[in-house]
Amino acid sequence: MDAARAQELTDEELDAYILTRLKSLGVDLGVLPEDEPDAPADRRRVLMGARRFLRSTPQAILAWEPDPQAVTPVLYPASQGRAVRERDRG
Protein backbone atom coordinates (compact mmCIF):
# COMPACT_ATOMS: atom_id res chain seq x y z
CA MET A 1 0.00 0.00 0.00
CA ASP A 2 1.38 3.39 -0.91
CA ALA A 3 0.65 6.74 0.74
CA ALA A 4 -1.66 7.78 -2.13
CA ARG A 5 -3.75 4.63 -1.70
CA ALA A 6 -3.81 5.16 2.07
CA GLN A 7 -5.21 8.64 1.46
CA GLU A 8 -8.12 7.15 -0.50
CA LEU A 9 -9.15 4.69 2.21
CA THR A 10 -11.58 5.60 4.95
CA ASP A 11 -10.39 5.40 8.54
CA GLU A 12 -12.39 2.17 8.99
CA GLU A 13 -10.81 0.54 5.93
CA LEU A 14 -7.35 1.59 7.01
CA ASP A 15 -8.01 0.31 10.54
CA ALA A 16 -8.96 -3.09 9.11
CA TYR A 17 -5.70 -3.13 7.11
CA ILE A 18 -3.65 -2.13 10.17
CA LEU A 19 -5.29 -4.70 12.44
CA THR A 20 -4.74 -7.43 9.85
CA ARG A 21 -1.06 -6.56 9.46
CA LEU A 22 -0.55 -6.41 13.22
CA LYS A 23 -2.35 -9.72 13.70
CA SER A 24 -0.07 -11.36 11.12
CA LEU A 25 2.86 -10.23 13.31
CA GLY A 26 1.24 -11.58 16.47
CA VAL A 27 0.20 -8.19 17.88
CA ASP A 28 -3.26 -8.06 19.47
CA LEU A 29 -4.59 -4.55 20.11
CA GLY A 30 -7.62 -6.15 21.76
CA VAL A 31 -5.75 -6.15 25.06
CA LEU A 32 -5.72 -2.34 25.10
CA PRO A 33 -8.62 -0.27 26.36
CA GLU A 34 -10.73 1.21 23.56
CA ASP A 35 -10.42 4.85 24.61
CA GLU A 36 -8.83 5.61 27.97
CA PRO A 37 -7.18 9.03 28.34
CA ASP A 38 -5.31 7.96 31.49
CA ALA A 39 -3.82 4.83 29.91
CA PRO A 40 -0.31 4.99 28.40
CA ALA A 41 -1.81 3.58 25.19
CA ASP A 42 -5.28 2.80 23.99
CA ARG A 43 -6.64 1.28 20.81
CA ARG A 44 -7.97 4.60 19.43
CA ARG A 45 -4.61 6.37 19.76
CA VAL A 46 -2.59 3.44 18.42
CA LEU A 47 -4.79 3.19 15.32
CA MET A 48 -4.77 6.97 14.85
CA GLY A 49 -0.96 6.97 14.95
CA ALA A 50 -0.73 4.04 12.54
CA ARG A 51 -3.12 5.73 10.09
CA ARG A 52 -1.06 8.93 10.22
CA PHE A 53 2.11 6.89 9.65
CA LEU A 54 0.66 5.05 6.64
CA ARG A 55 -0.67 8.23 5.07
CA SER A 56 2.67 10.03 5.32
CA THR A 57 5.36 7.34 4.99
CA PRO A 58 7.67 6.83 1.99
CA GLN A 59 6.93 3.93 -0.33
CA ALA A 60 10.11 2.04 0.60
CA ILE A 61 8.91 1.57 4.17
CA LEU A 62 5.32 0.82 3.19
CA ALA A 63 6.46 -1.92 0.81
CA TRP A 64 8.27 -3.85 3.57
CA GLU A 65 6.81 -7.29 4.19
CA PRO A 66 7.91 -9.34 7.21
CA ASP A 67 9.59 -12.64 6.41
CA PRO A 68 7.68 -15.27 8.40
CA GLN A 69 10.71 -17.57 8.30
CA ALA A 70 13.23 -14.98 9.46
CA VAL A 71 15.15 -15.81 12.60
CA THR A 72 14.40 -13.33 15.33
CA PRO A 73 17.51 -11.82 16.93
CA VAL A 74 18.15 -13.12 20.43
CA LEU A 75 18.69 -10.33 22.93
CA TYR A 76 20.40 -12.51 25.55
CA PRO A 77 21.77 -15.62 23.85
CA ALA A 78 22.96 -17.21 27.11
CA SER A 79 21.97 -20.73 26.09
CA GLN A 80 24.01 -20.38 22.90
CA GLY A 81 27.04 -19.07 24.76
CA ARG A 82 27.82 -22.47 26.30
CA ALA A 83 27.85 -24.16 22.90
CA VAL A 84 30.21 -21.52 21.54
CA ARG A 85 32.60 -21.88 24.49
CA GLU A 86 32.63 -25.70 24.18
CA ARG A 87 33.26 -25.45 20.46
CA ASP A 88 36.17 -23.02 21.03
CA ARG A 89 37.79 -25.38 23.56
CA GLY A 90 38.01 -27.98 20.86
PDB file of N, CA and C in Angstrom:
ATOM      1  N   MET A   1       0.853  -1.174   0.000  1.00  0.00           N
ATOM      2  CA  MET A   1       0.000   0.000   0.000  1.00  0.00           C
ATOM      3  C   MET A   1       0.897   1.235   0.000  1.00  0.00           C
ATOM      4  N   ASP A   2       0.612   2.159  -0.889  1.00  0.00           N
ATOM      5  CA  ASP A   2       1.383   3.392  -0.911  1.00  0.00           C
ATOM      6  C   ASP A   2       0.597   4.502  -0.216  1.00  0.00           C
ATOM      7  N   ALA A   3       1.271   5.622   0.011  1.00  0.00           N
ATOM      8  CA  ALA A   3       0.652   6.738   0.737  1.00  0.00           C
ATOM      9  C   ALA A   3      -0.561   7.282  -0.018  1.00  0.00           C
ATOM     10  N   ALA A   4      -0.514   7.290  -1.348  1.00  0.00           N
ATOM     11  CA  ALA A   4      -1.655   7.784  -2.126  1.00  0.00           C
ATOM     12  C   ALA A   4      -2.865   6.882  -1.929  1.00  0.00           C
ATOM     13  N   ARG A   5      -2.649   5.583  -1.926  1.00  0.00           N
ATOM     14  CA  ARG A   5      -3.751   4.629  -1.697  1.00  0.00           C
ATOM     15  C   ARG A   5      -4.284   4.775  -0.273  1.00  0.00           C
ATOM     16  N   ALA A   6      -3.389   4.979   0.682  1.00  0.00           N
ATOM     17  CA  ALA A   6      -3.806   5.157   2.069  1.00  0.00           C
ATOM     18  C   ALA A   6      -4.673   6.403   2.222  1.00  0.00           C
ATOM     19  N   GLN A   7      -4.397   7.426   1.415  1.00  0.00           N
ATOM     20  CA  GLN A   7      -5.206   8.643   1.456  1.00  0.00           C
ATOM     21  C   GLN A   7      -6.636   8.379   0.994  1.00  0.00           C
ATOM     22  N   GLU A   8      -6.806   7.438   0.057  1.00  0.00           N
ATOM     23  CA  GLU A   8      -8.118   7.149  -0.501  1.00  0.00           C
ATOM     24  C   GLU A   8      -8.995   6.328   0.431  1.00  0.00           C
ATOM     25  N   LEU A   9      -8.393   5.567   1.323  1.00  0.00           N
ATOM     26  CA  LEU A   9      -9.149   4.690   2.208  1.00  0.00           C
ATOM     27  C   LEU A   9      -9.795   5.471   3.350  1.00  0.00           C
ATOM     28  N   THR A  10     -10.955   5.001   3.773  1.00  0.00           N
ATOM     29  CA  THR A  10     -11.585   5.599   4.955  1.00  0.00           C
ATOM     30  C   THR A  10     -10.815   5.139   6.189  1.00  0.00           C
ATOM     31  N   ASP A  11     -11.046   5.807   7.303  1.00  0.00           N
ATOM     32  CA  ASP A  11     -10.394   5.396   8.545  1.00  0.00           C
ATOM     33  C   ASP A  11     -10.735   3.948   8.890  1.00  0.00           C
ATOM     34  N   GLU A  12     -11.980   3.539   8.666  1.00  0.00           N
ATOM     35  CA  GLU A  12     -12.394   2.169   8.989  1.00  0.00           C
ATOM     36  C   GLU A  12     -11.677   1.143   8.117  1.00  0.00           C
ATOM     37  N   GLU A  13     -11.519   1.453   6.831  1.00  0.00           N
ATOM     38  CA  GLU A  13     -10.809   0.543   5.931  1.00  0.00           C
ATOM     39  C   GLU A  13      -9.334   0.455   6.303  1.00  0.00           C
ATOM     40  N   LEU A  14      -8.753   1.576   6.627  1.00  0.00           N
ATOM     41  CA  LEU A  14      -7.347   1.588   7.015  1.00  0.00           C
ATOM     42  C   LEU A  14      -7.149   0.870   8.342  1.00  0.00           C
ATOM     43  N   ASP A  15      -8.084   1.031   9.269  1.00  0.00           N
ATOM     44  CA  ASP A  15      -8.006   0.313  10.545  1.00  0.00           C
ATOM     45  C   ASP A  15      -8.025  -1.194  10.318  1.00  0.00           C
ATOM     46  N   ALA A  16      -8.887  -1.660   9.417  1.00  0.00           N
ATOM     47  CA  ALA A  16      -8.956  -3.092   9.112  1.00  0.00           C
ATOM     48  C   ALA A  16      -7.620  -3.579   8.553  1.00  0.00           C
ATOM     49  N   TYR A  17      -7.010  -2.784   7.676  1.00  0.00           N
ATOM     50  CA  TYR A  17      -5.704  -3.132   7.107  1.00  0.00           C
ATOM     51  C   TYR A  17      -4.648  -3.195   8.222  1.00  0.00           C
ATOM     52  N   ILE A  18      -4.633  -2.197   9.074  1.00  0.00           N
ATOM     53  CA  ILE A  18      -3.651  -2.131  10.166  1.00  0.00           C
ATOM     54  C   ILE A  18      -3.814  -3.318  11.107  1.00  0.00           C
ATOM     55  N   LEU A  19      -5.048  -3.595  11.506  1.00  0.00           N
ATOM     56  CA  LEU A  19      -5.295  -4.696  12.439  1.00  0.00           C
ATOM     57  C   LEU A  19      -4.901  -6.042  11.820  1.00  0.00           C
ATOM     58  N   THR A  20      -5.130  -6.194  10.523  1.00  0.00           N
ATOM     59  CA  THR A  20      -4.741  -7.430   9.846  1.00  0.00           C
ATOM     60  C   THR A  20      -3.234  -7.582   9.816  1.00  0.00           C
ATOM     61  N   ARG A  21      -2.530  -6.500   9.484  1.00  0.00           N
ATOM     62  CA  ARG A  21      -1.062  -6.559   9.457  1.00  0.00           C
ATOM     63  C   ARG A  21      -0.496  -6.843  10.841  1.00  0.00           C
ATOM     64  N   LEU A  22      -1.032  -6.172  11.859  1.00  0.00           N
ATOM     65  CA  LEU A  22      -0.546  -6.409  13.222  1.00  0.00           C
ATOM     66  C   LEU A  22      -0.831  -7.835  13.668  1.00  0.00           C
ATOM     67  N   LYS A  23      -2.007  -8.351  13.326  1.00  0.00           N
ATOM     68  CA  LYS A  23      -2.353  -9.717  13.703  1.00  0.00           C
ATOM     69  C   LYS A  23      -1.396 -10.711  13.058  1.00  0.00           C
ATOM     70  N   SER A  24      -1.000 -10.453  11.806  1.00  0.00           N
ATOM     71  CA  SER A  24      -0.066 -11.358  11.125  1.00  0.00           C
ATOM     72  C   SER A  24       1.304 -11.362  11.804  1.00  0.00           C
ATOM     73  N   LEU A  25       1.598 -10.314  12.568  1.00  0.00           N
ATOM     74  CA  LEU A  25       2.856 -10.235  13.309  1.00  0.00           C
ATOM     75  C   LEU A  25       2.698 -10.704  14.752  1.00  0.00           C
ATOM     76  N   GLY A  26       1.481 -11.102  15.117  1.00  0.00           N
ATOM     77  CA  GLY A  26       1.239 -11.580  16.472  1.00  0.00           C
ATOM     78  C   GLY A  26       0.906 -10.496  17.474  1.00  0.00           C
ATOM     79  N   VAL A  27       0.534  -9.314  16.995  1.00  0.00           N
ATOM     80  CA  VAL A  27       0.201  -8.195  17.876  1.00  0.00           C
ATOM     81  C   VAL A  27      -1.317  -8.100  17.994  1.00  0.00           C
ATOM     82  N   ASP A  28      -1.823  -8.118  19.227  1.00  0.00           N
ATOM     83  CA  ASP A  28      -3.262  -8.057  19.475  1.00  0.00           C
ATOM     84  C   ASP A  28      -3.590  -6.756  20.203  1.00  0.00           C
ATOM     85  N   LEU A  29      -4.200  -5.810  19.482  1.00  0.00           N
ATOM     86  CA  LEU A  29      -4.590  -4.548  20.115  1.00  0.00           C
ATOM     87  C   LEU A  29      -5.822  -4.718  20.988  1.00  0.00           C
ATOM     88  N   GLY A  30      -6.455  -5.888  20.947  1.00  0.00           N
ATOM     89  CA  GLY A  30      -7.623  -6.148  21.759  1.00  0.00           C
ATOM     90  C   GLY A  30      -7.351  -6.108  23.249  1.00  0.00           C
ATOM     91  N   VAL A  31      -6.080  -6.204  23.636  1.00  0.00           N
ATOM     92  CA  VAL A  31      -5.746  -6.154  25.060  1.00  0.00           C
ATOM     93  C   VAL A  31      -5.709  -4.718  25.589  1.00  0.00           C
ATOM     94  N   LEU A  32      -5.737  -3.749  24.685  1.00  0.00           N
ATOM     95  CA  LEU A  32      -5.719  -2.341  25.098  1.00  0.00           C
ATOM     96  C   LEU A  32      -7.137  -1.842  25.330  1.00  0.00           C
ATOM     97  N   PRO A  33      -7.290  -0.872  26.221  1.00  0.00           N
ATOM     98  CA  PRO A  33      -8.617  -0.266  26.363  1.00  0.00           C
ATOM     99  C   PRO A  33      -8.988   0.462  25.072  1.00  0.00           C
ATOM    100  N   GLU A  34     -10.270   0.568  24.797  1.00  0.00           N
ATOM    101  CA  GLU A  34     -10.729   1.213  23.559  1.00  0.00           C
ATOM    102  C   GLU A  34     -10.352   2.689  23.521  1.00  0.00           C
ATOM    103  N   ASP A  35     -10.691   3.414  24.559  1.00  0.00           N
ATOM    104  CA  ASP A  35     -10.421   4.853  24.606  1.00  0.00           C
ATOM    105  C   ASP A  35     -10.297   5.266  26.067  1.00  0.00           C
ATOM    106  N   GLU A  36      -9.072   5.308  26.561  1.00  0.00           N
ATOM    107  CA  GLU A  36      -8.828   5.609  27.968  1.00  0.00           C
ATOM    108  C   GLU A  36      -7.747   6.688  28.069  1.00  0.00           C
ATOM    109  N   PRO A  37      -8.143   7.935  28.308  1.00  0.00           N
ATOM    110  CA  PRO A  37      -7.176   9.034  28.342  1.00  0.00           C
ATOM    111  C   PRO A  37      -6.058   8.856  29.370  1.00  0.00           C
ATOM    112  N   ASP A  38      -6.317   8.132  30.452  1.00  0.00           N
ATOM    113  CA  ASP A  38      -5.308   7.957  31.492  1.00  0.00           C
ATOM    114  C   ASP A  38      -4.350   6.798  31.207  1.00  0.00           C
ATOM    115  N   ALA A  39      -4.674   5.975  30.237  1.00  0.00           N
ATOM    116  CA  ALA A  39      -3.820   4.831  29.913  1.00  0.00           C
ATOM    117  C   ALA A  39      -2.621   5.292  29.075  1.00  0.00           C
ATOM    118  N   PRO A  40      -1.476   4.629  29.220  1.00  0.00           N
ATOM    119  CA  PRO A  40      -0.312   4.990  28.398  1.00  0.00           C
ATOM    120  C   PRO A  40      -0.574   4.789  26.912  1.00  0.00           C
ATOM    121  N   ALA A  41      -1.423   3.822  26.589  1.00  0.00           N
ATOM    122  CA  ALA A  41      -1.809   3.576  25.190  1.00  0.00           C
ATOM    123  C   ALA A  41      -3.221   3.018  25.181  1.00  0.00           C
ATOM    124  N   ASP A  42      -3.970   3.401  24.188  1.00  0.00           N
ATOM    125  CA  ASP A  42      -5.284   2.799  23.991  1.00  0.00           C
ATOM    126  C   ASP A  42      -5.456   2.531  22.502  1.00  0.00           C
ATOM    127  N   ARG A  43      -6.436   1.719  22.190  1.00  0.00           N
ATOM    128  CA  ARG A  43      -6.639   1.277  20.813  1.00  0.00           C
ATOM    129  C   ARG A  43      -6.872   2.456  19.859  1.00  0.00           C
ATOM    130  N   ARG A  44      -7.660   3.440  20.281  1.00  0.00           N
ATOM    131  CA  ARG A  44      -7.969   4.597  19.430  1.00  0.00           C
ATOM    132  C   ARG A  44      -6.697   5.347  19.053  1.00  0.00           C
ATOM    133  N   ARG A  45      -5.834   5.614  20.035  1.00  0.00           N
ATOM    134  CA  ARG A  45      -4.606   6.368  19.757  1.00  0.00           C
ATOM    135  C   ARG A  45      -3.601   5.570  18.938  1.00  0.00           C
ATOM    136  N   VAL A  46      -3.511   4.268  19.189  1.00  0.00           N
ATOM    137  CA  VAL A  46      -2.585   3.442  18.419  1.00  0.00           C
ATOM    138  C   VAL A  46      -3.017   3.422  16.945  1.00  0.00           C
ATOM    139  N   LEU A  47      -4.302   3.215  16.700  1.00  0.00           N
ATOM    140  CA  LEU A  47      -4.786   3.194  15.320  1.00  0.00           C
ATOM    141  C   LEU A  47      -4.657   4.563  14.660  1.00  0.00           C
ATOM    142  N   MET A  48      -4.906   5.625  15.412  1.00  0.00           N
ATOM    143  CA  MET A  48      -4.767   6.968  14.851  1.00  0.00           C
ATOM    144  C   MET A  48      -3.312   7.214  14.440  1.00  0.00           C
ATOM    145  N   GLY A  49      -2.367   6.815  15.280  1.00  0.00           N
ATOM    146  CA  GLY A  49      -0.956   6.974  14.945  1.00  0.00           C
ATOM    147  C   GLY A  49      -0.541   6.131  13.752  1.00  0.00           C
ATOM    148  N   ALA A  50      -1.061   4.908  13.674  1.00  0.00           N
ATOM    149  CA  ALA A  50      -0.730   4.041  12.544  1.00  0.00           C
ATOM    150  C   ALA A  50      -1.309   4.589  11.243  1.00  0.00           C
ATOM    151  N   ARG A  51      -2.531   5.122  11.304  1.00  0.00           N
ATOM    152  CA  ARG A  51      -3.118   5.731  10.091  1.00  0.00           C
ATOM    153  C   ARG A  51      -2.279   6.922   9.629  1.00  0.00           C
ATOM    154  N   ARG A  52      -1.886   7.757  10.567  1.00  0.00           N
ATOM    155  CA  ARG A  52      -1.056   8.926  10.222  1.00  0.00           C
ATOM    156  C   ARG A  52       0.259   8.463   9.596  1.00  0.00           C
ATOM    157  N   PHE A  53       0.855   7.433  10.177  1.00  0.00           N
ATOM    158  CA  PHE A  53       2.109   6.889   9.652  1.00  0.00           C
ATOM    159  C   PHE A  53       1.927   6.393   8.218  1.00  0.00           C
ATOM    160  N   LEU A  54       0.881   5.602   7.975  1.00  0.00           N
ATOM    161  CA  LEU A  54       0.661   5.053   6.635  1.00  0.00           C
ATOM    162  C   LEU A  54       0.350   6.129   5.607  1.00  0.00           C
ATOM    163  N   ARG A  55      -0.303   7.177   6.022  1.00  0.00           N
ATOM    164  CA  ARG A  55      -0.670   8.235   5.072  1.00  0.00           C
ATOM    165  C   ARG A  55       0.480   9.197   4.785  1.00  0.00           C
ATOM    166  N   SER A  56       1.575   9.072   5.516  1.00  0.00           N
ATOM    167  CA  SER A  56       2.670  10.029   5.315  1.00  0.00           C
ATOM    168  C   SER A  56       4.033   9.364   5.141  1.00  0.00           C
ATOM    169  N   THR A  57       4.089   8.064   5.008  1.00  0.00           N
ATOM    170  CA  THR A  57       5.355   7.340   4.986  1.00  0.00           C
ATOM    171  C   THR A  57       5.822   7.050   3.564  1.00  0.00           C
ATOM    172  N   PRO A  58       7.128   7.131   3.327  1.00  0.00           N
ATOM    173  CA  PRO A  58       7.665   6.833   1.992  1.00  0.00           C
ATOM    174  C   PRO A  58       7.359   5.404   1.552  1.00  0.00           C
ATOM    175  N   GLN A  59       7.275   5.220   0.263  1.00  0.00           N
ATOM    176  CA  GLN A  59       6.927   3.930  -0.327  1.00  0.00           C
ATOM    177  C   GLN A  59       7.868   2.811   0.103  1.00  0.00           C
ATOM    178  N   ALA A  60       9.148   3.091   0.254  1.00  0.00           N
ATOM    179  CA  ALA A  60      10.109   2.039   0.605  1.00  0.00           C
ATOM    180  C   ALA A  60       9.749   1.376   1.932  1.00  0.00           C
ATOM    181  N   ILE A  61       9.287   2.141   2.875  1.00  0.00           N
ATOM    182  CA  ILE A  61       8.912   1.573   4.169  1.00  0.00           C
ATOM    183  C   ILE A  61       7.572   0.853   4.059  1.00  0.00           C
ATOM    184  N   LEU A  62       6.636   1.443   3.336  1.00  0.00           N
ATOM    185  CA  LEU A  62       5.320   0.819   3.191  1.00  0.00           C
ATOM    186  C   LEU A  62       5.395  -0.523   2.472  1.00  0.00           C
ATOM    187  N   ALA A  63       6.362  -0.691   1.589  1.00  0.00           N
ATOM    188  CA  ALA A  63       6.462  -1.916   0.810  1.00  0.00           C
ATOM    189  C   ALA A  63       7.071  -3.068   1.601  1.00  0.00           C
ATOM    190  N   TRP A  64       7.621  -2.805   2.782  1.00  0.00           N
ATOM    191  CA  TRP A  64       8.265  -3.851   3.571  1.00  0.00           C
ATOM    192  C   TRP A  64       7.261  -4.916   3.990  1.00  0.00           C
ATOM    193  N   GLU A  65       7.628  -6.149   3.777  1.00  0.00           N
ATOM    194  CA  GLU A  65       6.813  -7.290   4.192  1.00  0.00           C
ATOM    195  C   GLU A  65       7.659  -8.132   5.141  1.00  0.00           C
ATOM    196  N   PRO A  66       7.122  -8.505   6.292  1.00  0.00           N
ATOM    197  CA  PRO A  66       7.910  -9.335   7.206  1.00  0.00           C
ATOM    198  C   PRO A  66       8.122 -10.732   6.622  1.00  0.00           C
ATOM    199  N   ASP A  67       9.289 -11.290   6.864  1.00  0.00           N
ATOM    200  CA  ASP A  67       9.593 -12.643   6.415  1.00  0.00           C
ATOM    201  C   ASP A  67       9.189 -13.597   7.539  1.00  0.00           C
ATOM    202  N   PRO A  68       8.147 -14.401   7.332  1.00  0.00           N
ATOM    203  CA  PRO A  68       7.677 -15.269   8.405  1.00  0.00           C
ATOM    204  C   PRO A  68       8.692 -16.334   8.806  1.00  0.00           C
ATOM    205  N   GLN A  69       9.703 -16.574   7.971  1.00  0.00           N
ATOM    206  CA  GLN A  69      10.709 -17.574   8.297  1.00  0.00           C
ATOM    207  C   GLN A  69      12.003 -16.957   8.818  1.00  0.00           C
ATOM    208  N   ALA A  70      12.020 -15.650   8.982  1.00  0.00           N
ATOM    209  CA  ALA A  70      13.227 -14.983   9.463  1.00  0.00           C
ATOM    210  C   ALA A  70      13.500 -15.381  10.912  1.00  0.00           C
ATOM    211  N   VAL A  71      14.757 -15.482  11.235  1.00  0.00           N
ATOM    212  CA  VAL A  71      15.150 -15.810  12.596  1.00  0.00           C
ATOM    213  C   VAL A  71      15.179 -14.510  13.406  1.00  0.00           C
ATOM    214  N   THR A  72      14.452 -14.507  14.482  1.00  0.00           N
ATOM    215  CA  THR A  72      14.396 -13.332  15.333  1.00  0.00           C
ATOM    216  C   THR A  72      15.704 -13.196  16.102  1.00  0.00           C
ATOM    217  N   PRO A  73      16.280 -11.994  16.156  1.00  0.00           N
ATOM    218  CA  PRO A  73      17.511 -11.816  16.930  1.00  0.00           C
ATOM    219  C   PRO A  73      17.262 -12.151  18.404  1.00  0.00           C
ATOM    220  N   VAL A  74      18.257 -12.756  19.027  1.00  0.00           N
ATOM    221  CA  VAL A  74      18.154 -13.118  20.433  1.00  0.00           C
ATOM    222  C   VAL A  74      18.855 -12.044  21.244  1.00  0.00           C
ATOM    223  N   LEU A  75      18.113 -11.408  22.149  1.00  0.00           N
ATOM    224  CA  LEU A  75      18.689 -10.327  22.933  1.00  0.00           C
ATOM    225  C   LEU A  75      19.751 -10.829  23.904  1.00  0.00           C
ATOM    226  N   TYR A  76      19.465 -11.930  24.591  1.00  0.00           N
ATOM    227  CA  TYR A  76      20.403 -12.506  25.554  1.00  0.00           C
ATOM    228  C   TYR A  76      20.634 -13.971  25.198  1.00  0.00           C
ATOM    229  N   PRO A  77      21.577 -14.241  24.311  1.00  0.00           N
ATOM    230  CA  PRO A  77      21.766 -15.619  23.849  1.00  0.00           C
ATOM    231  C   PRO A  77      22.579 -16.470  24.820  1.00  0.00           C
ATOM    232  N   ALA A  78      22.209 -16.489  26.089  1.00  0.00           N
ATOM    233  CA  ALA A  78      22.959 -17.213  27.106  1.00  0.00           C
ATOM    234  C   ALA A  78      23.042 -18.700  26.789  1.00  0.00           C
ATOM    235  N   SER A  79      21.956 -19.293  26.349  1.00  0.00           N
ATOM    236  CA  SER A  79      21.975 -20.733  26.085  1.00  0.00           C
ATOM    237  C   SER A  79      22.901 -21.064  24.923  1.00  0.00           C
ATOM    238  N   GLN A  80      23.115 -20.139  24.022  1.00  0.00           N
ATOM    239  CA  GLN A  80      24.009 -20.379  22.895  1.00  0.00           C
ATOM    240  C   GLN A  80      25.461 -20.150  23.293  1.00  0.00           C
ATOM    241  N   GLY A  81      25.679 -19.374  24.325  1.00  0.00           N
ATOM    242  CA  GLY A  81      27.044 -19.070  24.764  1.00  0.00           C
ATOM    243  C   GLY A  81      27.815 -20.310  25.160  1.00  0.00           C
ATOM    244  N   ARG A  82      27.156 -21.251  25.857  1.00  0.00           N
ATOM    245  CA  ARG A  82      27.822 -22.473  26.298  1.00  0.00           C
ATOM    246  C   ARG A  82      28.294 -23.280  25.090  1.00  0.00           C
ATOM    247  N   ALA A  83      27.474 -23.400  24.079  1.00  0.00           N
ATOM    248  CA  ALA A  83      27.853 -24.163  22.897  1.00  0.00           C
ATOM    249  C   ALA A  83      29.050 -23.522  22.199  1.00  0.00           C
ATOM    250  N   VAL A  84      29.091 -22.213  22.164  1.00  0.00           N
ATOM    251  CA  VAL A  84      30.214 -21.516  21.537  1.00  0.00           C
ATOM    252  C   VAL A  84      31.490 -21.756  22.329  1.00  0.00           C
ATOM    253  N   ARG A  85      31.418 -21.664  23.660  1.00  0.00           N
ATOM    254  CA  ARG A  85      32.600 -21.881  24.490  1.00  0.00           C
ATOM    255  C   ARG A  85      33.116 -23.320  24.349  1.00  0.00           C
ATOM    256  N   GLU A  86      32.203 -24.295  24.329  1.00  0.00           N
ATOM    257  CA  GLU A  86      32.626 -25.696  24.182  1.00  0.00           C
ATOM    258  C   GLU A  86      33.262 -25.936  22.824  1.00  0.00           C
ATOM    259  N   ARG A  87      32.709 -25.290  21.807  1.00  0.00           N
ATOM    260  CA  ARG A  87      33.261 -25.448  20.464  1.00  0.00           C
ATOM    261  C   ARG A  87      34.669 -24.842  20.405  1.00  0.00           C
ATOM    262  N   ASP A  88      34.872 -23.705  21.070  1.00  0.00           N
ATOM    263  CA  ASP A  88      36.169 -23.016  21.028  1.00  0.00           C
ATOM    264  C   ASP A  88      37.235 -23.802  21.798  1.00  0.00           C
ATOM    265  N   ARG A  89      36.821 -24.581  22.789  1.00  0.00           N
ATOM    266  CA  ARG A  89      37.791 -25.378  23.558  1.00  0.00           C
ATOM    267  C   ARG A  89      38.383 -26.503  22.718  1.00  0.00           C
ATOM    268  N   GLY A  90      37.573 -26.942  21.783  1.00  0.00           N
ATOM    269  CA  GLY A  90      38.015 -27.979  20.858  1.00  0.00           C
ATOM    270  C   GLY A  90      38.035 -29.283  21.468  1.00  0.00           C
TER     271      GLY A  90
END
